[in-house]
Amino acid sequence: MVDAALSHQVLHVLREGLELSCRALVREAAERVLAEDVEHVRDLAESSRDLLVPHVRSRCPAAVFIVSRAFVRLVIWTGTCGFGRRQADVLAQLDAVEIQETFYRPVSVERASKWRAIAPQGFRFCVKASQFITHEATSPTYRRSGRVVPDSEKRAYGSFRDTPHVREGWEATSSFAKTIRADAIVFQTPASFGPTEANRTALYRFFESNRTDATKAIELRGPWAGHIVEKICEDLGLVHAVDPFDKEPATYGLAYFRLHGSPPGKTMYRYAYTDEDLARLQTICREYDDTYVMFNNLSMHRDAVRFRSLVRGHADTAVPARE
């Protein structure tokens, strides 16, 4: 049971924002919400979520009640950046995986079809965008690209430039993502990609020219100020991907977390998250509507399984340490 005035305000906002028909179950009087009202609102919210949540948050002071009680069922997709174990284990024990091979070199759509076919229903694939888009050819990551780039062409790669090589990277990424039915494409920039005017112009040109149905997440590892990132993401429809133990994202609603280990330094990726870390992570996730939590440390599979068990309210699942 909730306060009468609050009940009236909540239902009034619902009716106005979604233009409900007069046949909808909406109580005009300032009376208490009944159980069937809550179920009706919940069913309505599930089918109209993208419209409903931003509207009620902006119009109704009772947003905390709305979000927690009726409108948002918090979803956390837990996965790893790459297959940290056998593919069968990842597909069976986690909710998502971020394909890493697509970053280093183009991957065939036949492999994408194979992975999609063996994945269980509801499993989510995310794709890391080609380094041809984000990284210049002087990056050491090009050692795994399978090609030798002449010195005269090295500056034609990366930094979201408008060049044939960058377009090649996008074509390979988008084709793979479409075939595997990716829910998100992640663009990770090197630390050298700073907030210069040229880089900002390149970002706008790239994302305004290249469309996709997948969520686009961007991890800007250079010294980008939060308000600049927020503006770029808002203008271009991007999600700001971050390590939540390092910084807060500049975007709201959907969160995309990439956990690289802690603290930063030589032991970074070798760090195994403690129970206290995972409890704190779960608390952070509650600040967002939905969250991708993608572990990227050496013990990523074990840590991801532990976190997924915590989120689901299960006892810690025993997972052998990585050999």
C-alpha atoms as a PDB file:
ATOM      1  CA  MET A   1       0.000   0.000   0.000  1.00  0.00           C
ATOM      2  CA  VAL A   2       1.264   3.456  -0.871  1.00  0.00           C
ATOM      3  CA  ASP A   3       0.323   7.018  -0.043  1.00  0.00           C
ATOM      4  CA  ALA A   4      -2.946   8.209  -1.640  1.00  0.00           C
ATOM      5  CA  ALA A   5      -1.620  11.438  -3.149  1.00  0.00           C
ATOM      6  CA  LEU A   6       1.384   9.606  -4.537  1.00  0.00           C
ATOM      7  CA  SER A   7      -0.870   6.982  -6.094  1.00  0.00           C
ATOM      8  CA  HIS A   8      -2.909   9.633  -7.869  1.00  0.00           C
ATOM      9  CA  GLN A   9       0.200  11.423  -9.134  1.00  0.00           C
ATOM     10  CA  VAL A  10       1.798   8.248 -10.450  1.00  0.00           C
ATOM     11  CA  LEU A  11      -1.279   7.127 -12.329  1.00  0.00           C
ATOM     12  CA  HIS A  12      -1.968  10.615 -13.694  1.00  0.00           C
ATOM     13  CA  VAL A  13       1.504  10.790 -15.203  1.00  0.00           C
ATOM     14  CA  LEU A  14       1.068   7.339 -16.697  1.00  0.00           C
ATOM     15  CA  ARG A  15      -2.223   8.209 -18.316  1.00  0.00           C
ATOM     16  CA  GLU A  16      -0.994  11.518 -19.724  1.00  0.00           C
ATOM     17  CA  GLY A  17       2.386  10.299 -20.908  1.00  0.00           C
ATOM     18  CA  LEU A  18       1.210   7.132 -22.635  1.00  0.00           C
ATOM     19  CA  GLU A  19      -2.176   8.449 -23.770  1.00  0.00           C
ATOM     20  CA  LEU A  20      -4.004   5.509 -22.292  1.00  0.00           C
ATOM     21  CA  SER A  21      -7.493   4.790 -23.529  1.00  0.00           C
ATOM     22  CA  CYS A  22     -10.411   5.422 -21.233  1.00  0.00           C
ATOM     23  CA  ARG A  23     -10.786   1.668 -20.910  1.00  0.00           C
ATOM     24  CA  ALA A  24      -7.393   1.393 -19.205  1.00  0.00           C
ATOM     25  CA  LEU A  25      -7.362   0.659 -15.519  1.00  0.00           C
ATOM     26  CA  VAL A  26      -6.590   4.107 -14.093  1.00  0.00           C
ATOM     27  CA  ARG A  27      -8.093   5.318 -10.831  1.00  0.00           C
ATOM     28  CA  GLU A  28      -8.920   9.008 -10.925  1.00  0.00           C
ATOM     29  CA  ALA A  29      -9.571   9.477  -7.239  1.00  0.00           C
ATOM     30  CA  ALA A  30      -6.696   9.952  -4.838  1.00  0.00           C
ATOM     31  CA  GLU A  31      -7.064   6.499  -3.367  1.00  0.00           C
ATOM     32  CA  ARG A  32      -4.677   3.739  -2.539  1.00  0.00           C
ATOM     33  CA  VAL A  33      -3.227   1.603  -5.310  1.00  0.00           C
ATOM     34  CA  LEU A  34      -4.594  -1.913  -5.352  1.00  0.00           C
ATOM     35  CA  ALA A  35      -2.627  -4.995  -6.224  1.00  0.00           C
ATOM     36  CA  GLU A  36      -4.278  -5.320  -9.628  1.00  0.00           C
ATOM     37  CA  ASP A  37      -3.317  -1.713 -10.414  1.00  0.00           C
ATOM     38  CA  VAL A  38       0.339  -2.432  -9.784  1.00  0.00           C
ATOM     39  CA  GLU A  39       0.224  -5.519 -11.999  1.00  0.00           C
ATOM     40  CA  HIS A  40      -1.506  -3.555 -14.744  1.00  0.00           C
ATOM     41  CA  VAL A  41       1.117  -0.819 -14.597  1.00  0.00           C
ATOM     42  CA  ARG A  42       3.917  -3.367 -14.570  1.00  0.00           C
ATOM     43  CA  ASP A  43       2.571  -5.108 -17.678  1.00  0.00           C
ATOM     44  CA  LEU A  44       2.140  -1.754 -19.387  1.00  0.00           C
ATOM     45  CA  ALA A  45       5.642  -0.694 -18.493  1.00  0.00           C
ATOM     46  CA  GLU A  46       7.177  -3.860 -19.873  1.00  0.00           C
ATOM     47  CA  SER A  47       5.651  -3.151 -23.297  1.00  0.00           C
ATOM     48  CA  SER A  48       6.355   0.598 -23.299  1.00  0.00           C
ATOM     49  CA  ARG A  49       9.583   0.814 -21.388  1.00  0.00           C
ATOM     50  CA  ASP A  50      11.658   2.994 -23.692  1.00  0.00           C
ATOM     51  CA  LEU A  51       8.965   5.667 -23.689  1.00  0.00           C
ATOM     52  CA  LEU A  52       7.829   5.292 -20.119  1.00  0.00           C
ATOM     53  CA  VAL A  53      10.985   5.521 -18.048  1.00  0.00           C
ATOM     54  CA  PRO A  54      12.369   8.825 -19.383  1.00  0.00           C
ATOM     55  CA  HIS A  55       8.911  10.361 -19.201  1.00  0.00           C
ATOM     56  CA  VAL A  56       8.094   9.502 -15.622  1.00  0.00           C
ATOM     57  CA  ARG A  57      11.547  10.479 -14.429  1.00  0.00           C
ATOM     58  CA  SER A  58      11.198  13.921 -15.934  1.00  0.00           C
ATOM     59  CA  ARG A  59       7.581  14.504 -14.972  1.00  0.00           C
ATOM     60  CA  CYS A  60       6.986  12.784 -11.672  1.00  0.00           C
ATOM     61  CA  PRO A  61       8.700  13.618  -8.363  1.00  0.00           C
ATOM     62  CA  ALA A  62       7.907  10.095  -7.227  1.00  0.00           C
ATOM     63  CA  ALA A  63      10.432   8.640  -9.669  1.00  0.00           C
ATOM     64  CA  VAL A  64      12.169   6.562  -6.999  1.00  0.00           C
ATOM     65  CA  PHE A  65       8.927   4.811  -6.148  1.00  0.00           C
ATOM     66  CA  ILE A  66       8.008   4.395  -9.788  1.00  0.00           C
ATOM     67  CA  VAL A  67      11.308   2.907 -10.817  1.00  0.00           C
ATOM     68  CA  SER A  68      11.571   0.511  -7.896  1.00  0.00           C
ATOM     69  CA  ARG A  69       7.958  -0.620  -7.664  1.00  0.00           C
ATOM     70  CA  ALA A  70       6.427  -0.811 -11.081  1.00  0.00           C
ATOM     71  CA  PHE A  71       8.301   0.378 -14.094  1.00  0.00           C
ATOM     72  CA  VAL A  72      11.849  -0.899 -14.155  1.00  0.00           C
ATOM     73  CA  ARG A  73      12.938  -4.425 -13.562  1.00  0.00           C
ATOM     74  CA  LEU A  74      16.670  -3.992 -13.212  1.00  0.00           C
ATOM     75  CA  VAL A  75      18.545  -6.221 -15.623  1.00  0.00           C
ATOM     76  CA  ILE A  76      22.239  -6.986 -15.298  1.00  0.00           C
ATOM     77  CA  TRP A  77      23.923  -8.925 -18.082  1.00  0.00           C
ATOM     78  CA  THR A  78      27.142 -10.427 -16.765  1.00  0.00           C
ATOM     79  CA  GLY A  79      29.830 -11.538 -19.160  1.00  0.00           C
ATOM     80  CA  THR A  80      33.465 -11.436 -20.148  1.00  0.00           C
ATOM     81  CA  CYS A  81      35.583  -9.626 -22.709  1.00  0.00           C
ATOM     82  CA  GLY A  82      36.429 -12.634 -24.818  1.00  0.00           C
ATOM     83  CA  PHE A  83      35.984 -16.310 -24.081  1.00  0.00           C
ATOM     84  CA  GLY A  84      37.871 -16.722 -20.830  1.00  0.00           C
ATOM     85  CA  ARG A  85      37.011 -20.413 -20.798  1.00  0.00           C
ATOM     86  CA  ARG A  86      35.667 -22.953 -23.260  1.00  0.00           C
ATOM     87  CA  GLN A  87      32.908 -21.440 -25.372  1.00  0.00           C
ATOM     88  CA  ALA A  88      30.439 -23.978 -23.997  1.00  0.00           C
ATOM     89  CA  ASP A  89      31.187 -22.858 -20.430  1.00  0.00           C
ATOM     90  CA  VAL A  90      30.740 -19.178 -21.261  1.00  0.00           C
ATOM     91  CA  LEU A  91      27.475 -19.777 -23.103  1.00  0.00           C
ATOM     92  CA  ALA A  92      26.104 -21.932 -20.286  1.00  0.00           C
ATOM     93  CA  GLN A  93      27.288 -19.996 -17.246  1.00  0.00           C
ATOM     94  CA  LEU A  94      27.084 -16.325 -18.281  1.00  0.00           C
ATOM     95  CA  ASP A  95      24.667 -13.890 -19.915  1.00  0.00           C
ATOM     96  CA  ALA A  96      26.918 -12.241 -22.487  1.00  0.00           C
ATOM     97  CA  VAL A  97      30.302 -12.158 -24.136  1.00  0.00           C
ATOM     98  CA  GLU A  98      32.171  -9.341 -25.850  1.00  0.00           C
ATOM     99  CA  ILE A  99      33.856 -10.732 -28.950  1.00  0.00           C
ATOM    100  CA  GLN A 100      37.485  -9.566 -29.022  1.00  0.00           C
ATOM    101  CA  GLU A 101      38.718 -11.138 -32.258  1.00  0.00           C
ATOM    102  CA  THR A 102      36.847  -8.511 -34.268  1.00  0.00           C
ATOM    103  CA  PHE A 103      39.119  -5.835 -32.819  1.00  0.00           C
ATOM    104  CA  TYR A 104      42.355  -7.327 -34.108  1.00  0.00           C
ATOM    105  CA  ARG A 105      41.341  -8.422 -37.593  1.00  0.00           C
ATOM    106  CA  PRO A 106      38.194  -8.962 -39.688  1.00  0.00           C
ATOM    107  CA  VAL A 107      36.333 -12.133 -38.675  1.00  0.00           C
ATOM    108  CA  SER A 108      34.156 -14.069 -41.093  1.00  0.00           C
ATOM    109  CA  VAL A 109      30.388 -13.849 -40.875  1.00  0.00           C
ATOM    110  CA  GLU A 110      30.387 -17.651 -41.043  1.00  0.00           C
ATOM    111  CA  ARG A 111      31.944 -17.735 -37.584  1.00  0.00           C
ATOM    112  CA  ALA A 112      29.369 -15.229 -36.391  1.00  0.00           C
ATOM    113  CA  SER A 113      26.592 -17.493 -37.679  1.00  0.00           C
ATOM    114  CA  LYS A 114      28.120 -20.477 -35.895  1.00  0.00           C
ATOM    115  CA  TRP A 115      28.349 -18.679 -32.545  1.00  0.00           C
ATOM    116  CA  ARG A 116      24.813 -17.369 -32.845  1.00  0.00           C
ATOM    117  CA  ALA A 117      23.504 -20.832 -33.660  1.00  0.00           C
ATOM    118  CA  ILE A 118      25.037 -22.517 -30.609  1.00  0.00           C
ATOM    119  CA  ALA A 119      24.141 -19.770 -28.130  1.00  0.00           C
ATOM    120  CA  PRO A 120      21.138 -20.322 -25.847  1.00  0.00           C
ATOM    121  CA  GLN A 121      18.075 -18.156 -26.223  1.00  0.00           C
ATOM    122  CA  GLY A 122      18.556 -14.792 -24.544  1.00  0.00           C
ATOM    123  CA  PHE A 123      22.350 -14.916 -24.593  1.00  0.00           C
ATOM    124  CA  ARG A 124      23.815 -11.574 -25.649  1.00  0.00           C
ATOM    125  CA  PHE A 125      26.721 -10.961 -27.959  1.00  0.00           C
ATOM    126  CA  CYS A 126      28.629  -7.705 -27.925  1.00  0.00           C
ATOM    127  CA  VAL A 127      31.286  -6.920 -30.511  1.00  0.00           C
ATOM    128  CA  LYS A 128      34.474  -4.925 -30.068  1.00  0.00           C
ATOM    129  CA  ALA A 129      34.898  -2.637 -33.073  1.00  0.00           C
ATOM    130  CA  SER A 130      37.870  -3.039 -35.389  1.00  0.00           C
ATOM    131  CA  GLN A 131      41.103  -1.341 -34.417  1.00  0.00           C
ATOM    132  CA  PHE A 132      41.206  -0.092 -38.015  1.00  0.00           C
ATOM    133  CA  ILE A 133      38.549   2.392 -36.826  1.00  0.00           C
ATOM    134  CA  THR A 134      40.008   3.431 -33.490  1.00  0.00           C
ATOM    135  CA  HIS A 135      43.765   2.789 -33.410  1.00  0.00           C
ATOM    136  CA  GLU A 136      46.464   4.116 -35.681  1.00  0.00           C
ATOM    137  CA  ALA A 137      48.630   1.512 -37.382  1.00  0.00           C
ATOM    138  CA  THR A 138      51.583   2.420 -35.144  1.00  0.00           C
ATOM    139  CA  SER A 139      49.791   0.683 -32.258  1.00  0.00           C
ATOM    140  CA  PRO A 140      51.423  -2.580 -31.096  1.00  0.00           C
ATOM    141  CA  THR A 141      48.007  -4.228 -31.361  1.00  0.00           C
ATOM    142  CA  TYR A 142      48.482  -4.300 -35.137  1.00  0.00           C
ATOM    143  CA  ARG A 143      50.926  -7.170 -34.664  1.00  0.00           C
ATOM    144  CA  ARG A 144      47.828  -9.341 -34.477  1.00  0.00           C
ATOM    145  CA  SER A 145      46.110  -7.749 -37.460  1.00  0.00           C
ATOM    146  CA  GLY A 146      47.441 -10.214 -39.997  1.00  0.00           C
ATOM    147  CA  ARG A 147      48.718  -7.491 -42.287  1.00  0.00           C
ATOM    148  CA  VAL A 148      51.806  -5.382 -42.808  1.00  0.00           C
ATOM    149  CA  VAL A 149      50.910  -1.721 -43.152  1.00  0.00           C
ATOM    150  CA  PRO A 150      53.363   0.369 -45.210  1.00  0.00           C
ATOM    151  CA  ASP A 151      54.657   3.486 -43.485  1.00  0.00           C
ATOM    152  CA  SER A 152      52.956   5.612 -46.126  1.00  0.00           C
ATOM    153  CA  GLU A 153      49.531   4.248 -45.101  1.00  0.00           C
ATOM    154  CA  LYS A 154      49.837   4.119 -41.319  1.00  0.00           C
ATOM    155  CA  ARG A 155      48.077   7.430 -40.743  1.00  0.00           C
ATOM    156  CA  ALA A 156      45.157   6.266 -42.852  1.00  0.00           C
ATOM    157  CA  TYR A 157      44.113   3.903 -40.051  1.00  0.00           C
ATOM    158  CA  GLY A 158      42.331   4.726 -36.816  1.00  0.00           C
ATOM    159  CA  SER A 159      41.120   7.887 -35.075  1.00  0.00           C
ATOM    160  CA  PHE A 160      37.723   7.535 -36.812  1.00  0.00           C
ATOM    161  CA  ARG A 161      39.206   9.099 -39.952  1.00  0.00           C
ATOM    162  CA  ASP A 162      37.256   9.279 -43.174  1.00  0.00           C
ATOM    163  CA  THR A 163      39.499   6.873 -45.094  1.00  0.00           C
ATOM    164  CA  PRO A 164      39.040   3.600 -46.989  1.00  0.00           C
ATOM    165  CA  HIS A 165      40.843   1.648 -44.243  1.00  0.00           C
ATOM    166  CA  VAL A 166      38.568   2.986 -41.504  1.00  0.00           C
ATOM    167  CA  ARG A 167      35.539   2.248 -43.678  1.00  0.00           C
ATOM    168  CA  GLU A 168      36.905  -1.262 -44.193  1.00  0.00           C
ATOM    169  CA  GLY A 169      37.051  -1.679 -40.422  1.00  0.00           C
ATOM    170  CA  TRP A 170      33.466  -0.516 -40.020  1.00  0.00           C
ATOM    171  CA  GLU A 171      32.202  -2.770 -42.800  1.00  0.00           C
ATOM    172  CA  ALA A 172      33.862  -5.793 -41.187  1.00  0.00           C
ATOM    173  CA  THR A 173      32.560  -4.851 -37.733  1.00  0.00           C
ATOM    174  CA  SER A 174      29.003  -4.069 -38.802  1.00  0.00           C
ATOM    175  CA  SER A 175      28.671  -7.175 -40.988  1.00  0.00           C
ATOM    176  CA  PHE A 176      29.823  -9.423 -38.156  1.00  0.00           C
ATOM    177  CA  ALA A 177      27.585  -7.616 -35.654  1.00  0.00           C
ATOM    178  CA  LYS A 178      24.549  -7.914 -37.903  1.00  0.00           C
ATOM    179  CA  THR A 179      25.101 -11.624 -38.498  1.00  0.00           C
ATOM    180  CA  ILE A 180      25.604 -12.471 -34.834  1.00  0.00           C
ATOM    181  CA  ARG A 181      22.720 -10.132 -33.916  1.00  0.00           C
ATOM    182  CA  ALA A 182      24.922  -8.166 -31.546  1.00  0.00           C
ATOM    183  CA  ASP A 183      23.229  -6.131 -28.855  1.00  0.00           C
ATOM    184  CA  ALA A 184      26.163  -3.730 -28.560  1.00  0.00           C
ATOM    185  CA  ILE A 185      29.252  -2.618 -30.457  1.00  0.00           C
ATOM    186  CA  VAL A 186      32.089  -1.302 -28.289  1.00  0.00           C
ATOM    187  CA  PHE A 187      34.530   1.296 -29.587  1.00  0.00           C
ATOM    188  CA  GLN A 188      37.640   1.498 -27.397  1.00  0.00           C
ATOM    189  CA  THR A 189      40.033   4.332 -28.163  1.00  0.00           C
ATOM    190  CA  PRO A 190      43.714   4.424 -27.197  1.00  0.00           C
ATOM    191  CA  ALA A 191      44.924   6.878 -24.566  1.00  0.00           C
ATOM    192  CA  SER A 192      46.574   8.864 -27.360  1.00  0.00           C
ATOM    193  CA  PHE A 193      43.163   9.725 -28.812  1.00  0.00           C
ATOM    194  CA  GLY A 194      42.604  12.945 -26.886  1.00  0.00           C
ATOM    195  CA  PRO A 195      39.845  15.585 -26.931  1.00  0.00           C
ATOM    196  CA  THR A 196      41.247  17.642 -29.794  1.00  0.00           C
ATOM    197  CA  GLU A 197      39.012  19.500 -32.195  1.00  0.00           C
ATOM    198  CA  ALA A 198      40.086  17.200 -35.021  1.00  0.00           C
ATOM    199  CA  ASN A 199      39.233  14.081 -33.027  1.00  0.00           C
ATOM    200  CA  ARG A 200      35.848  15.431 -31.986  1.00  0.00           C
ATOM    201  CA  THR A 201      35.045  16.312 -35.588  1.00  0.00           C
ATOM    202  CA  ALA A 202      36.078  12.824 -36.680  1.00  0.00           C
ATOM    203  CA  LEU A 203      33.843  11.233 -34.035  1.00  0.00           C
ATOM    204  CA  TYR A 204      30.807  13.195 -35.179  1.00  0.00           C
ATOM    205  CA  ARG A 205      31.447  12.482 -38.846  1.00  0.00           C
ATOM    206  CA  PHE A 206      31.946   8.765 -38.238  1.00  0.00           C
ATOM    207  CA  PHE A 207      28.894   8.118 -36.077  1.00  0.00           C
ATOM    208  CA  GLU A 208      26.613  10.372 -38.106  1.00  0.00           C
ATOM    209  CA  SER A 209      27.617   8.497 -41.259  1.00  0.00           C
ATOM    210  CA  ASN A 210      27.502   4.925 -39.957  1.00  0.00           C
ATOM    211  CA  ARG A 211      24.268   3.549 -38.559  1.00  0.00           C
ATOM    212  CA  THR A 212      23.492   0.329 -36.736  1.00  0.00           C
ATOM    213  CA  ASP A 213      20.626  -1.139 -34.738  1.00  0.00           C
ATOM    214  CA  ALA A 214      23.034  -2.222 -32.002  1.00  0.00           C
ATOM    215  CA  THR A 215      23.790  -0.092 -28.971  1.00  0.00           C
ATOM    216  CA  LYS A 216      27.009   1.847 -29.549  1.00  0.00           C
ATOM    217  CA  ALA A 217      29.271   2.068 -26.497  1.00  0.00           C
ATOM    218  CA  ILE A 218      32.465   4.097 -26.483  1.00  0.00           C
ATOM    219  CA  GLU A 219      35.353   3.770 -24.031  1.00  0.00           C
ATOM    220  CA  LEU A 220      37.438   6.928 -24.310  1.00  0.00           C
ATOM    221  CA  ARG A 221      40.709   6.235 -22.537  1.00  0.00           C
ATOM    222  CA  GLY A 222      42.289   9.622 -23.145  1.00  0.00           C
ATOM    223  CA  PRO A 223      41.921  12.707 -20.882  1.00  0.00           C
ATOM    224  CA  TRP A 224      38.340  13.526 -21.848  1.00  0.00           C
ATOM    225  CA  ALA A 225      36.366  15.799 -19.513  1.00  0.00           C
ATOM    226  CA  GLY A 226      33.053  14.415 -18.354  1.00  0.00           C
ATOM    227  CA  HIS A 227      30.918  17.235 -19.744  1.00  0.00           C
ATOM    228  CA  ILE A 228      32.501  16.833 -23.189  1.00  0.00           C
ATOM    229  CA  VAL A 229      31.864  13.088 -23.184  1.00  0.00           C
ATOM    230  CA  GLU A 230      28.292  13.643 -22.032  1.00  0.00           C
ATOM    231  CA  LYS A 231      27.644  16.091 -24.872  1.00  0.00           C
ATOM    232  CA  ILE A 232      29.161  13.803 -27.501  1.00  0.00           C
ATOM    233  CA  CYS A 233      27.231  10.775 -26.278  1.00  0.00           C
ATOM    234  CA  GLU A 234      23.976  12.712 -26.116  1.00  0.00           C
ATOM    235  CA  ASP A 235      24.413  14.101 -29.622  1.00  0.00           C
ATOM    236  CA  LEU A 236      25.442  10.805 -31.186  1.00  0.00           C
ATOM    237  CA  GLY A 237      23.359   8.340 -29.174  1.00  0.00           C
ATOM    238  CA  LEU A 238      26.342   6.642 -27.543  1.00  0.00           C
ATOM    239  CA  VAL A 239      26.726   4.893 -24.198  1.00  0.00           C
ATOM    240  CA  HIS A 240      29.831   5.877 -22.231  1.00  0.00           C
ATOM    241  CA  ALA A 241      31.646   2.633 -21.379  1.00  0.00           C
ATOM    242  CA  VAL A 242      33.821   2.775 -18.257  1.00  0.00           C
ATOM    243  CA  ASP A 243      35.423   0.728 -15.527  1.00  0.00           C
ATOM    244  CA  PRO A 244      33.070   1.632 -12.645  1.00  0.00           C
ATOM    245  CA  PHE A 245      35.868   1.280 -10.102  1.00  0.00           C
ATOM    246  CA  ASP A 246      37.781   3.975 -11.972  1.00  0.00           C
ATOM    247  CA  LYS A 247      35.139   6.529 -12.969  1.00  0.00           C
ATOM    248  CA  GLU A 248      31.434   7.159 -13.359  1.00  0.00           C
ATOM    249  CA  PRO A 249      29.934   7.087 -16.846  1.00  0.00           C
ATOM    250  CA  ALA A 250      28.834  10.372 -18.361  1.00  0.00           C
ATOM    251  CA  THR A 251      25.604   8.792 -19.616  1.00  0.00           C
ATOM    252  CA  TYR A 252      22.545   7.508 -17.810  1.00  0.00           C
ATOM    253  CA  GLY A 253      19.974   4.757 -18.218  1.00  0.00           C
ATOM    254  CA  LEU A 254      21.907   1.903 -19.816  1.00  0.00           C
ATOM    255  CA  ALA A 255      25.406   1.308 -18.453  1.00  0.00           C
ATOM    256  CA  TYR A 256      28.247  -0.620 -20.072  1.00  0.00           C
ATOM    257  CA  PHE A 257      30.963  -1.570 -17.594  1.00  0.00           C
ATOM    258  CA  ARG A 258      34.320  -3.062 -18.633  1.00  0.00           C
ATOM    259  CA  LEU A 259      36.228  -4.217 -15.555  1.00  0.00           C
ATOM    260  CA  HIS A 260      39.952  -4.249 -16.218  1.00  0.00           C
ATOM    261  CA  GLY A 261      41.141  -5.117 -12.720  1.00  0.00           C
ATOM    262  CA  SER A 262      42.123  -2.896  -9.827  1.00  0.00           C
ATOM    263  CA  PRO A 263      44.125  -0.970  -8.835  1.00  0.00           C
ATOM    264  CA  PRO A 264      45.698   0.425 -12.018  1.00  0.00           C
ATOM    265  CA  GLY A 265      49.295  -0.607 -12.565  1.00  0.00           C
ATOM    266  CA  LYS A 266      51.323  -3.714 -13.300  1.00  0.00           C
ATOM    267  CA  THR A 267      49.025  -5.963 -11.267  1.00  0.00           C
ATOM    268  CA  MET A 268      45.890  -4.515 -12.822  1.00  0.00           C
ATOM    269  CA  TYR A 269      44.722  -7.406 -15.010  1.00  0.00           C
ATOM    270  CA  ARG A 270      45.930 -10.013 -12.507  1.00  0.00           C
ATOM    271  CA  TYR A 271      43.648  -8.613  -9.828  1.00  0.00           C
ATOM    272  CA  ALA A 272      40.884 -10.962  -8.632  1.00  0.00           C
ATOM    273  CA  TYR A 273      37.792  -9.163  -7.375  1.00  0.00           C
ATOM    274  CA  THR A 274      36.912  -9.712  -3.731  1.00  0.00           C
ATOM    275  CA  ASP A 275      33.445 -10.372  -2.347  1.00  0.00           C
ATOM    276  CA  GLU A 276      33.417  -6.782  -1.107  1.00  0.00           C
ATOM    277  CA  ASP A 277      34.269  -5.533  -4.606  1.00  0.00           C
ATOM    278  CA  LEU A 278      31.402  -7.494  -6.123  1.00  0.00           C
ATOM    279  CA  ALA A 279      28.937  -6.281  -3.501  1.00  0.00           C
ATOM    280  CA  ARG A 280      29.975  -2.710  -4.233  1.00  0.00           C
ATOM    281  CA  LEU A 281      29.620  -3.379  -7.954  1.00  0.00           C
ATOM    282  CA  GLN A 282      26.084  -4.630  -7.456  1.00  0.00           C
ATOM    283  CA  THR A 283      25.250  -1.432  -5.573  1.00  0.00           C
ATOM    284  CA  ILE A 284      26.670   0.660  -8.421  1.00  0.00           C
ATOM    285  CA  CYS A 285      24.548  -1.240 -10.942  1.00  0.00           C
ATOM    286  CA  ARG A 286      21.382  -0.285  -9.073  1.00  0.00           C
ATOM    287  CA  GLU A 287      21.964   3.324 -10.129  1.00  0.00           C
ATOM    288  CA  TYR A 288      21.189   2.421 -13.750  1.00  0.00           C
ATOM    289  CA  ASP A 289      18.237   0.962 -15.609  1.00  0.00           C
ATOM    290  CA  ASP A 290      20.119  -1.928 -17.191  1.00  0.00           C
ATOM    291  CA  THR A 291      23.796  -2.791 -17.048  1.00  0.00           C
ATOM    292  CA  TYR A 292      26.316  -4.814 -18.980  1.00  0.00           C
ATOM    293  CA  VAL A 293      29.039  -5.986 -16.599  1.00  0.00           C
ATOM    294  CA  MET A 294      31.929  -7.318 -18.665  1.00  0.00           C
ATOM    295  CA  PHE A 295      34.977  -8.617 -16.808  1.00  0.00           C
ATOM    296  CA  ASN A 296      38.342  -8.185 -18.538  1.00  0.00           C
ATOM    297  CA  ASN A 297      40.890  -9.420 -15.990  1.00  0.00           C
ATOM    298  CA  LEU A 298      42.780 -12.707 -15.985  1.00  0.00           C
ATOM    299  CA  SER A 299      40.283 -14.333 -13.609  1.00  0.00           C
ATOM    300  CA  MET A 300      37.376 -12.883 -15.565  1.00  0.00           C
ATOM    301  CA  HIS A 301      35.348 -16.073 -15.948  1.00  0.00           C
ATOM    302  CA  ARG A 302      35.486 -16.995 -12.285  1.00  0.00           C
ATOM    303  CA  ASP A 303      34.748 -13.417 -11.198  1.00  0.00           C
ATOM    304  CA  ALA A 304      31.871 -13.129 -13.671  1.00  0.00           C
ATOM    305  CA  VAL A 305      30.272 -16.359 -12.461  1.00  0.00           C
ATOM    306  CA  ARG A 306      30.608 -15.209  -8.851  1.00  0.00           C
ATOM    307  CA  PHE A 307      29.036 -11.841  -9.638  1.00  0.00           C
ATOM    308  CA  ARG A 308      26.201 -13.418 -11.605  1.00  0.00           C
ATOM    309  CA  SER A 309      25.456 -15.690  -8.653  1.00  0.00           C
ATOM    310  CA  LEU A 310      25.432 -12.688  -6.325  1.00  0.00           C
ATOM    311  CA  VAL A 311      23.046 -10.776  -8.575  1.00  0.00           C
ATOM    312  CA  ARG A 312      20.700 -13.733  -8.813  1.00  0.00           C
ATOM    313  CA  GLY A 313      20.744 -14.267  -5.082  1.00  0.00           C
ATOM    314  CA  HIS A 314      22.435 -17.653  -5.229  1.00  0.00           C
ATOM    315  CA  ALA A 315      25.255 -18.961  -3.130  1.00  0.00           C
ATOM    316  CA  ASP A 316      28.680 -18.500  -4.661  1.00  0.00           C
ATOM    317  CA  THR A 317      29.140 -20.987  -7.473  1.00  0.00           C
ATOM    318  CA  ALA A 318      32.363 -22.938  -7.241  1.00  0.00           C
ATOM    319  CA  VAL A 319      34.473 -22.278 -10.320  1.00  0.00           C
ATOM    320  CA  PRO A 320      38.015 -23.628 -10.494  1.00  0.00           C
ATOM    321  CA  ALA A 321      40.764 -21.051 -10.775  1.00  0.00           C
ATOM    322  CA  ARG A 322      42.075 -20.497 -14.274  1.00  0.00           C
ATOM    323  CA  GLU A 323      44.888 -22.850 -15.087  1.00  0.00           C
END
